[in-house]
């Protein structure tokens, strides 16, 4: 009887344990979590724990057929308790992460049509990493920047937000907070989004697509995660690059090269993504948050080959301007998320780097030049840089 009870408990416990691991590893972008040593250690511990449980169960089942002896009773108690813990723990995990229902009171963030400008004059803003839903974020500063971008007096033609809108993409309440903040802006300025690793975390991808992926009719492909938009002779290629290259699929890579080939050489080519390429930064939890060798190797040769003019990204909570091999790079992850510590590594490609400041990037594209203004929440200019198109 004891063996039957244990078998009845142990089987679903092990299935839940390894099912949870399999689901995490197969979730969109979740593999990037394991760049952090702490999450990798947790994964290894859970796997080792599960294999050990199976081994102990088989030993108990075979060696203690009669369920007699102190050692057998102790092992039975351990396996019984461990099975209950696994069932409770991983059932709770699935209940938290597999709730794909979208709250009825949260509406998708409106996305106006982008302007059709024939003149060589475009004024837009770029920001990243608001991280709504965590106490470490400064929502007051985020709202101040949104007010500046939506202010009709500042005359923005578009706003690109490059990911990590929320802290935990699987939580409805955080999407509700973000939607309430961004919807008033979206009523005045066309907004386009790129997915961040926090947005799609643990099944959050369904919410990201529902709340932020509604305005990509211009995408010229079948994905709301990466797409192209054209405003006159200015062409934006928005990529799904969340942690590093985990979400940079072959389909996306082929699409990117096709688009770059298609754009006339004399036109402006602008890349938008959450994950960065060249950047200053520091080492945190076992990962180097600077000059990313994977994105540099996987994507920058295409940028250089096809004459990309400028690349915007977030992920690092800095403001920075860099140049490498004729391509300009902007990191603008200062839109309210907890600011990163002072960089311990300054990229050789860095021209200007600012830590400890919230802010976003204002872009004035006039004729053959781009004027970048890094602005703080009070709309003061922290740095102004001009780029001349060759």
Protein backbone atom coordinates (compact mmCIF):
# COMPACT_ATOMS: atom_id res chain seq x y z
CA UNK A 1 0.00 0.00 0.00
CA UNK A 2 2.80 2.40 0.92
CA UNK A 3 4.54 1.70 -2.38
CA UNK A 4 1.34 2.40 -4.31
CA UNK A 5 0.79 5.70 -2.50
CA UNK A 6 4.39 6.72 -3.13
CA UNK A 7 4.18 5.76 -6.81
CA UNK A 8 0.94 7.76 -7.18
CA UNK A 9 2.62 10.84 -5.74
CA UNK A 10 6.08 10.42 -7.22
CA UNK A 11 5.02 10.04 -10.87
CA UNK A 12 3.23 13.43 -11.23
CA UNK A 13 5.95 15.08 -9.13
CA UNK A 14 8.71 14.03 -11.52
CA UNK A 15 6.60 14.82 -14.58
CA UNK A 16 5.91 18.30 -13.24
CA UNK A 17 9.58 18.87 -12.38
CA UNK A 18 10.98 17.92 -15.77
CA UNK A 19 7.97 19.34 -17.62
CA UNK A 20 8.65 22.69 -16.00
CA UNK A 21 12.33 22.55 -17.00
CA UNK A 22 11.40 21.62 -20.57
CA UNK A 23 8.87 24.43 -20.80
CA UNK A 24 11.37 27.00 -19.47
CA UNK A 25 14.06 25.91 -21.93
CA UNK A 26 11.63 26.04 -24.87
CA UNK A 27 10.03 29.39 -23.95
CA UNK A 28 10.73 32.32 -26.23
CA UNK A 29 13.98 33.96 -25.18
CA UNK A 30 14.08 32.28 -21.75
CA UNK A 31 17.38 30.55 -22.54
CA UNK A 32 19.02 33.95 -22.12
CA UNK A 33 18.32 33.77 -18.38
CA UNK A 34 20.99 31.13 -18.05
CA UNK A 35 23.68 33.62 -18.98
CA UNK A 36 23.31 34.59 -15.33
CA UNK A 37 25.24 32.13 -13.20
CA UNK A 38 22.58 32.13 -10.47
CA UNK A 39 19.84 30.93 -12.85
CA UNK A 40 22.18 28.39 -14.41
CA UNK A 41 23.01 27.02 -10.96
CA UNK A 42 19.32 26.81 -10.09
CA UNK A 43 18.63 24.90 -13.31
CA UNK A 44 21.49 22.50 -12.66
CA UNK A 45 20.33 22.00 -9.06
CA UNK A 46 16.76 21.19 -10.15
CA UNK A 47 17.99 18.74 -12.79
CA UNK A 48 20.37 17.01 -10.37
CA UNK A 49 17.66 16.94 -7.71
CA UNK A 50 15.20 15.33 -10.14
CA UNK A 51 17.70 12.70 -11.30
CA UNK A 52 18.63 11.95 -7.68
CA UNK A 53 14.97 11.52 -6.76
CA UNK A 54 14.48 9.04 -9.60
CA UNK A 55 17.57 7.10 -8.52
CA UNK A 56 16.46 6.97 -4.88
CA UNK A 57 12.96 5.94 -5.89
CA UNK A 58 14.26 3.05 -8.03
CA UNK A 59 16.60 2.00 -5.23
CA UNK A 60 13.75 2.09 -2.71
CA UNK A 61 11.38 0.23 -5.00
CA UNK A 62 13.85 -2.54 -5.68
CA UNK A 63 15.81 -2.86 -2.45
CA UNK A 64 12.98 -2.36 0.05
CA UNK A 65 10.32 -4.52 -1.47
CA UNK A 66 8.90 -5.36 1.94
CA UNK A 67 9.16 -1.74 3.18
CA UNK A 68 10.89 -2.92 6.33
CA UNK A 69 13.80 -1.40 8.20
CA UNK A 70 14.59 2.02 9.54
CA UNK A 71 16.53 3.07 6.44
CA UNK A 72 13.62 2.12 4.17
CA UNK A 73 11.13 4.02 6.30
CA UNK A 74 13.32 7.12 6.34
CA UNK A 75 13.77 6.98 2.60
CA UNK A 76 10.02 6.54 2.16
CA UNK A 77 9.36 9.62 4.26
CA UNK A 78 11.95 11.61 2.29
CA UNK A 79 10.54 10.58 -1.11
CA UNK A 80 6.98 11.16 0.06
CA UNK A 81 7.83 14.65 1.33
CA UNK A 82 9.91 15.52 -1.74
CA UNK A 83 7.04 14.45 -4.03
CA UNK A 84 4.57 16.67 -2.19
CA UNK A 85 6.99 19.61 -2.37
CA UNK A 86 7.57 19.12 -6.11
CA UNK A 87 3.84 18.88 -6.83
CA UNK A 88 3.11 22.04 -4.84
CA UNK A 89 6.12 24.03 -6.09
CA UNK A 90 5.91 23.27 -9.80
CA UNK A 91 2.11 23.40 -9.91
CA UNK A 92 2.42 26.91 -8.47
CA UNK A 93 5.07 27.73 -11.08
CA UNK A 94 2.85 26.62 -13.94
CA UNK A 95 -0.13 28.47 -12.47
CA UNK A 96 1.93 31.69 -12.44
CA UNK A 97 3.55 31.42 -15.85
CA UNK A 98 0.99 29.57 -17.96
CA UNK A 99 -1.91 31.97 -17.42
CA UNK A 100 -2.24 33.32 -20.92
CA UNK A 101 -5.58 35.00 -20.22
CA UNK A 102 -5.46 38.71 -20.87
CA UNK A 103 -7.20 41.00 -18.43
CA UNK A 104 -10.34 42.45 -20.05
CA UNK A 105 -9.65 45.92 -18.71
CA UNK A 106 -6.26 46.16 -20.45
CA UNK A 107 -6.53 47.47 -23.98
CA UNK A 108 -3.75 47.24 -26.57
CA UNK A 109 -1.68 50.42 -26.72
CA UNK A 110 -3.02 52.40 -29.72
CA UNK A 111 -0.61 52.81 -32.58
CA UNK A 112 -1.31 55.62 -35.02
CA UNK A 113 -0.18 55.36 -38.60
CA UNK A 114 3.32 56.64 -39.21
CA UNK A 115 3.55 59.86 -41.20
CA UNK A 116 4.26 59.84 -44.93
CA UNK A 117 6.87 62.53 -45.32
CA UNK A 118 8.25 63.44 -48.71
CA UNK A 119 10.65 66.04 -47.35
CA UNK A 120 14.03 65.17 -45.86
CA UNK A 121 13.03 66.19 -42.36
CA UNK A 122 12.02 63.73 -39.64
CA UNK A 123 11.81 64.23 -35.89
CA UNK A 124 11.46 61.17 -33.66
CA UNK A 125 12.32 59.88 -30.18
CA UNK A 126 13.88 56.60 -29.02
CA UNK A 127 13.77 55.17 -25.50
CA UNK A 128 14.08 51.84 -23.75
CA UNK A 129 13.78 50.06 -20.40
CA UNK A 130 10.94 51.55 -18.37
CA UNK A 131 10.44 48.34 -16.34
CA UNK A 132 6.95 49.10 -15.07
CA UNK A 133 6.02 46.97 -12.07
CA UNK A 134 9.17 47.02 -9.97
CA UNK A 135 9.91 49.27 -7.00
CA UNK A 136 13.43 49.91 -8.27
CA UNK A 137 12.12 51.75 -11.35
CA UNK A 138 11.48 55.48 -11.30
CA UNK A 139 8.01 55.78 -12.79
CA UNK A 140 7.94 59.51 -12.11
CA UNK A 141 10.87 60.02 -14.47
CA UNK A 142 9.29 57.74 -17.07
CA UNK A 143 6.04 59.71 -17.01
CA UNK A 144 7.98 63.00 -17.27
CA UNK A 145 9.70 61.78 -20.45
CA UNK A 146 6.41 60.54 -21.89
CA UNK A 147 4.91 63.97 -21.25
CA UNK A 148 7.76 65.60 -23.17
CA UNK A 149 7.40 63.23 -26.11
CA UNK A 150 3.60 63.68 -26.29
CA UNK A 151 3.76 67.47 -25.90
CA UNK A 152 2.48 68.92 -29.22
CA UNK A 153 4.93 71.80 -28.86
CA UNK A 154 7.84 69.36 -29.27
CA UNK A 155 6.42 68.04 -32.57
CA UNK A 156 7.58 64.42 -32.59
CA UNK A 157 6.66 62.48 -35.72
CA UNK A 158 7.19 59.07 -34.09
CA UNK A 159 8.40 57.32 -30.94
CA UNK A 160 10.27 54.01 -30.93
CA UNK A 161 10.34 52.11 -27.63
CA UNK A 162 12.95 49.36 -27.58
CA UNK A 163 11.75 46.90 -25.00
CA UNK A 164 11.52 46.06 -21.30
CA UNK A 165 8.34 48.05 -21.00
CA UNK A 166 7.47 45.87 -17.99
CA UNK A 167 9.51 43.97 -15.42
CA UNK A 168 7.69 40.62 -15.66
CA UNK A 169 5.92 39.98 -18.94
CA UNK A 170 3.65 37.31 -17.46
CA UNK A 171 1.94 39.71 -15.01
CA UNK A 172 -1.26 41.43 -16.15
CA UNK A 173 -1.05 44.20 -13.56
CA UNK A 174 2.28 45.42 -14.93
CA UNK A 175 0.93 45.56 -18.48
CA UNK A 176 -2.04 47.49 -17.12
CA UNK A 177 0.28 50.07 -15.55
CA UNK A 178 2.32 50.37 -18.74
CA UNK A 179 -0.77 50.68 -20.92
CA UNK A 180 -2.20 53.46 -18.76
CA UNK A 181 1.08 55.38 -19.04
CA UNK A 182 1.63 54.94 -22.78
CA UNK A 183 -1.94 55.22 -24.10
CA UNK A 184 -2.19 59.04 -23.68
CA UNK A 185 1.08 59.40 -25.60
CA UNK A 186 -0.13 57.03 -28.31
CA UNK A 187 -3.12 59.28 -28.91
CA UNK A 188 -0.78 61.99 -30.22
CA UNK A 189 2.41 60.30 -31.44
CA UNK A 190 2.75 57.06 -33.44
CA UNK A 191 4.57 54.47 -31.27
CA UNK A 192 6.36 51.35 -32.44
CA UNK A 193 7.77 48.74 -30.09
CA UNK A 194 10.60 46.21 -30.08
CA UNK A 195 10.39 43.25 -27.67
CA UNK A 196 12.67 43.15 -24.62
CA UNK A 197 13.72 40.13 -22.59
CA UNK A 198 11.54 41.18 -19.64
CA UNK A 199 8.49 41.71 -21.86
CA UNK A 200 8.47 38.15 -23.19
CA UNK A 201 9.67 36.50 -19.95
CA UNK A 202 8.06 33.13 -19.12
CA UNK A 203 5.26 33.26 -21.66
CA UNK A 204 4.94 37.05 -21.62
CA UNK A 205 5.30 36.99 -25.39
CA UNK A 206 1.53 36.52 -25.78
CA UNK A 207 0.87 39.68 -23.78
CA UNK A 208 3.54 41.63 -25.64
CA UNK A 209 1.97 40.67 -28.97
CA UNK A 210 -1.49 41.52 -27.68
CA UNK A 211 -0.65 44.90 -26.14
CA UNK A 212 2.27 46.12 -28.28
CA UNK A 213 2.19 44.17 -31.53
CA UNK A 214 -0.87 45.70 -33.13
CA UNK A 215 0.69 48.40 -35.26
CA UNK A 216 3.02 46.56 -37.59
CA UNK A 217 0.88 46.48 -40.73
CA UNK A 218 3.84 48.14 -42.44
CA UNK A 219 6.08 45.20 -41.51
CA UNK A 220 6.24 43.55 -44.95
CA UNK A 221 6.52 40.15 -43.29
CA UNK A 222 4.42 37.88 -41.12
CA UNK A 223 5.97 38.72 -37.76
CA UNK A 224 5.06 41.29 -35.12
CA UNK A 225 8.43 40.66 -33.46
CA UNK A 226 10.57 42.04 -36.27
CA UNK A 227 9.42 44.35 -39.02
CA UNK A 228 10.25 47.21 -41.35
CA UNK A 229 8.67 50.64 -41.52
CA UNK A 230 9.38 53.32 -44.11
CA UNK A 231 8.93 57.06 -43.68
CA UNK A 232 9.91 58.66 -46.96
CA UNK A 233 13.55 57.81 -47.59
CA UNK A 234 14.10 56.75 -43.98
CA UNK A 235 13.85 53.01 -43.36
CA UNK A 236 13.57 51.45 -39.91
CA UNK A 237 14.32 47.76 -39.35
CA UNK A 238 13.03 46.72 -35.93
CA UNK A 239 14.56 43.46 -34.72
CA UNK A 240 13.72 40.82 -32.14
CA UNK A 241 16.98 40.80 -30.23
CA UNK A 242 16.25 40.44 -26.54
CA UNK A 243 19.15 39.10 -24.48
CA UNK A 244 21.70 38.41 -27.15
CA UNK A 245 21.19 36.28 -30.29
CA UNK A 246 18.89 33.62 -28.76
CA UNK A 247 15.86 35.02 -30.60
CA UNK A 248 17.76 35.94 -33.75
CA UNK A 249 16.47 33.11 -35.91
CA UNK A 250 17.58 32.15 -39.40
CA UNK A 251 14.28 33.45 -40.76
CA UNK A 252 14.91 36.82 -39.13
CA UNK A 253 18.51 36.90 -40.35
CA UNK A 254 17.45 36.11 -43.93
CA UNK A 255 14.70 38.72 -43.72
CA UNK A 256 17.13 41.35 -42.41
CA UNK A 257 19.62 40.84 -45.23
CA UNK A 258 16.83 40.88 -47.82
CA UNK A 259 15.56 44.19 -46.47
CA UNK A 260 19.01 45.76 -46.35
CA UNK A 261 19.65 44.73 -49.95
CA UNK A 262 16.32 46.24 -50.99
CA UNK A 263 16.92 49.71 -49.55
CA UNK A 264 18.66 52.16 -51.93
CA UNK A 265 22.18 53.04 -50.87
CA UNK A 266 21.43 56.76 -50.68
CA UNK A 267 18.49 56.26 -48.28
CA UNK A 268 18.74 56.21 -44.49
CA UNK A 269 19.02 52.75 -42.91
CA UNK A 270 18.24 52.62 -39.19
CA UNK A 271 18.27 49.52 -36.98
CA UNK A 272 16.20 49.26 -33.78
CA UNK A 273 16.53 46.47 -31.20
CA UNK A 274 16.51 45.88 -27.47
CA UNK A 275 19.79 43.96 -27.27
CA UNK A 276 22.96 45.98 -27.76
CA UNK A 277 26.07 45.46 -29.89
CA UNK A 278 28.89 47.82 -28.92
CA UNK A 279 28.47 49.22 -25.43
CA UNK A 280 30.36 50.07 -22.28
CA UNK A 281 29.28 48.29 -19.12
CA UNK A 282 30.20 45.99 -16.29
CA UNK A 283 30.20 42.30 -15.36
CA UNK A 284 27.09 41.24 -13.45
CA UNK A 285 26.06 37.74 -12.31
CA UNK A 286 28.70 36.13 -14.50
CA UNK A 287 27.82 37.95 -17.75
CA UNK A 288 29.74 40.79 -19.40
CA UNK A 289 27.25 43.59 -20.04
CA UNK A 290 29.40 45.29 -22.67
CA UNK A 291 30.66 44.81 -26.25
CA UNK A 292 28.56 41.71 -26.98
CA UNK A 293 30.64 39.27 -29.07
CA UNK A 294 27.56 37.35 -30.26
CA UNK A 295 25.64 40.30 -31.66
CA UNK A 296 28.82 41.89 -32.95
CA UNK A 297 29.77 38.72 -34.81
CA UNK A 298 26.25 37.84 -35.92
CA UNK A 299 24.88 41.19 -37.08
CA UNK A 300 27.40 44.03 -37.38
CA UNK A 301 29.05 42.62 -40.54
CA UNK A 302 25.65 43.05 -42.25
CA UNK A 303 25.38 46.60 -40.94
CA UNK A 304 28.80 47.43 -42.36
CA UNK A 305 28.28 45.59 -45.64
CA UNK A 306 24.99 47.31 -46.49
CA UNK A 307 25.79 50.76 -45.14
CA UNK A 308 23.54 50.99 -42.08
CA UNK A 309 23.72 54.54 -40.79
CA UNK A 310 22.77 54.21 -37.14
CA UNK A 311 21.77 51.46 -34.70
CA UNK A 312 19.64 52.11 -31.58
CA UNK A 313 19.37 49.70 -28.65
CA UNK A 314 18.65 49.46 -24.94
CA UNK A 315 19.17 46.61 -22.44
CA UNK A 316 22.02 48.46 -20.72
CA UNK A 317 20.61 51.25 -18.58
CA UNK A 318 23.05 53.86 -19.86
CA UNK A 319 23.07 56.65 -22.39
CA UNK A 320 25.90 56.22 -24.87
CA UNK A 321 27.06 57.04 -28.38
CA UNK A 322 29.58 54.83 -30.16
CA UNK A 323 31.01 54.46 -33.65
CA UNK A 324 32.63 51.43 -35.26
CA UNK A 325 33.61 50.81 -38.89
CA UNK A 326 31.47 53.65 -40.19
CA UNK A 327 28.32 52.69 -38.27
CA UNK A 328 26.98 54.77 -35.36
CA UNK A 329 25.51 53.07 -32.29
CA UNK A 330 23.25 54.56 -29.62
CA UNK A 331 22.41 52.92 -26.29
CA UNK A 332 19.42 54.62 -24.69
CA UNK A 333 18.21 52.37 -21.85
CA UNK A 334 17.53 55.17 -19.39
CA UNK A 335 13.74 55.37 -19.58
CA UNK A 336 13.06 54.74 -15.89
CA UNK A 337 14.42 51.30 -15.05
CA UNK A 338 16.97 51.05 -12.25
CA UNK A 339 20.11 52.75 -13.51
CA UNK A 340 23.18 50.58 -14.03
CA UNK A 341 26.31 51.12 -11.92
CA UNK A 342 29.28 53.07 -13.22
CA UNK A 343 30.83 51.15 -16.11
CA UNK A 344 33.98 49.22 -15.26
CA UNK A 345 34.67 48.68 -18.98
CA UNK A 346 34.68 51.53 -21.48
CA UNK A 347 34.21 50.28 -25.02
CA UNK A 348 36.99 51.28 -27.43
CA UNK A 349 34.17 52.36 -29.76
CA UNK A 350 32.64 54.75 -27.22
CA UNK A 351 32.53 58.45 -28.11
CA UNK A 352 30.32 59.62 -25.24
CA UNK A 353 29.07 57.68 -22.24
CA UNK A 354 26.75 58.83 -19.47
CA UNK A 355 25.92 56.68 -16.44
CA UNK A 356 23.56 57.62 -13.63
CA UNK A 357 21.10 59.63 -15.76
CA UNK A 358 17.59 58.90 -16.93
CA UNK A 359 16.92 60.03 -20.45
CA UNK A 360 15.97 59.29 -24.03
CA UNK A 361 17.30 60.14 -27.47
CA UNK A 362 15.78 62.82 -29.68
CA UNK A 363 16.60 62.44 -33.37
CA UNK A 364 16.38 65.24 -35.91
CA UNK A 365 16.99 63.98 -39.40
CA UNK A 366 17.53 66.94 -41.71
CA UNK A 367 18.80 66.45 -45.25
CA UNK A 368 22.05 64.49 -45.09
CA UNK A 369 22.58 64.81 -41.35
CA UNK A 370 21.25 63.40 -38.10
CA UNK A 371 21.31 65.53 -34.98
CA UNK A 372 21.13 63.40 -31.83
CA UNK A 373 20.07 65.08 -28.61
CA UNK A 374 20.28 63.01 -25.45
CA UNK A 375 17.60 64.59 -23.25
CA UNK A 376 16.85 64.13 -19.56
CA UNK A 377 13.31 63.96 -18.09
CA UNK A 378 13.22 67.76 -17.78
CA UNK A 379 13.98 67.99 -21.51
CA UNK A 380 17.42 69.45 -20.93
CA UNK A 381 20.07 68.35 -23.43
CA UNK A 382 22.78 66.19 -21.86
CA UNK A 383 24.72 65.81 -25.11
CA UNK A 384 24.24 66.81 -28.74
CA UNK A 385 25.96 64.93 -31.58
CA UNK A 386 25.74 65.45 -35.34
CA UNK A 387 26.25 62.67 -37.87
CA UNK A 388 26.81 63.46 -41.56
CA UNK A 389 25.74 60.85 -44.08
CA UNK A 390 28.61 60.08 -46.48
